[in-house]
Protein backbone atom coordinates (compact mmCIF):
# COMPACT_ATOMS: atom_id res chain seq x y z
CA MET A 1 -3.48 106.61 -5.01
CA ASP A 2 0.23 107.37 -4.74
CA MET A 3 1.45 110.92 -5.28
CA ARG A 4 4.82 112.55 -4.77
CA SER A 5 4.84 115.76 -2.80
CA ARG A 6 7.26 118.51 -3.58
CA PRO A 7 9.25 120.49 -1.02
CA GLY A 8 6.95 122.91 0.76
CA SER A 9 3.84 120.78 0.22
CA LEU A 10 0.94 121.12 2.61
CA LEU A 11 -0.43 117.70 3.51
CA GLY A 12 -3.92 117.46 4.93
CA LEU A 13 -4.98 120.99 4.03
CA PRO A 14 -8.54 119.93 3.08
CA ALA A 15 -8.96 118.38 6.53
CA VAL A 16 -7.77 121.52 8.29
CA ILE A 17 -10.05 123.76 6.28
CA GLY A 18 -13.06 121.45 6.42
CA ASN A 19 -12.48 120.40 10.04
CA VAL A 20 -12.99 116.74 9.10
CA PRO A 21 -10.74 113.69 9.46
CA TYR A 22 -8.49 113.09 6.48
CA PHE A 23 -6.40 109.96 6.40
CA LEU A 24 -3.17 109.74 4.50
CA SER A 25 0.26 108.29 4.85
CA ALA A 26 3.45 110.12 4.12
CA GLU A 27 7.03 109.02 3.82
CA ALA A 28 9.88 111.50 4.20
CA SER A 29 13.18 110.95 2.43
CA ARG A 30 16.51 111.35 4.14
CA GLY A 31 17.03 115.01 4.89
CA GLY A 32 13.32 115.71 4.65
CA GLN A 33 11.54 117.68 7.32
CA VAL A 34 7.91 117.34 8.39
CA SER A 35 6.19 119.90 10.61
CA LEU A 36 2.73 119.75 12.14
CA VAL A 37 0.56 122.84 12.46
CA PRO A 38 -2.41 122.66 14.83
CA ARG A 39 -5.73 123.67 13.29
CA LYS A 40 -6.19 126.52 15.78
CA ASP A 41 -2.83 128.00 14.73
CA PHE A 42 -3.76 127.70 11.05
CA THR A 43 -7.12 129.36 11.70
CA LYS A 44 -5.44 132.18 13.63
CA LEU A 45 -3.00 132.69 10.76
CA MET A 46 -5.83 132.84 8.22
CA LEU A 47 -7.69 135.41 10.34
CA THR A 48 -4.64 137.62 10.82
CA GLN A 49 -3.39 137.26 7.21
CA PRO A 50 -6.52 137.24 5.04
CA GLY A 51 -4.45 137.50 1.84
CA LEU A 52 -3.35 133.90 2.43
CA ALA A 53 -6.85 132.72 1.49
CA ILE A 54 -6.01 133.11 -2.21
CA ASP A 55 -2.84 131.06 -1.76
CA VAL A 56 -4.78 128.35 0.07
CA LEU A 57 -7.35 128.28 -2.73
CA GLN A 58 -4.56 127.84 -5.29
CA VAL A 59 -3.11 124.94 -3.30
CA LEU A 60 -6.50 123.25 -3.07
CA ALA A 61 -7.10 123.73 -6.80
CA ALA A 62 -3.71 122.18 -7.55
CA GLU A 63 -4.61 119.18 -5.37
CA VAL A 64 -7.86 118.71 -7.28
CA ARG A 65 -6.02 118.88 -10.62
CA ALA A 66 -3.38 116.39 -9.42
CA ALA A 67 -6.01 113.98 -8.10
CA ARG A 68 -7.99 114.23 -11.33
CA SER A 69 -4.91 113.48 -13.42
CA MET A 70 -4.12 110.45 -11.22
CA ILE A 71 -7.65 109.12 -11.68
CA THR A 72 -7.71 109.58 -15.45
CA ALA A 73 -4.19 108.22 -15.99
């Protein structure tokens, strides 16, 4: 499966939330920036900012919709 990510995309979010390995490859274009966030930092953020859980759920739902559209296309 090949999907384009938009600026601000969160790659590997299901792995962070589920605490399971998640393999993917990513390619950044010129001028792109990639940052890594350790799971413990993400967990701390979620515990200190519980309102982010809704945003995370929306991101995961969007990933499911995108994957479903790639499969049915």
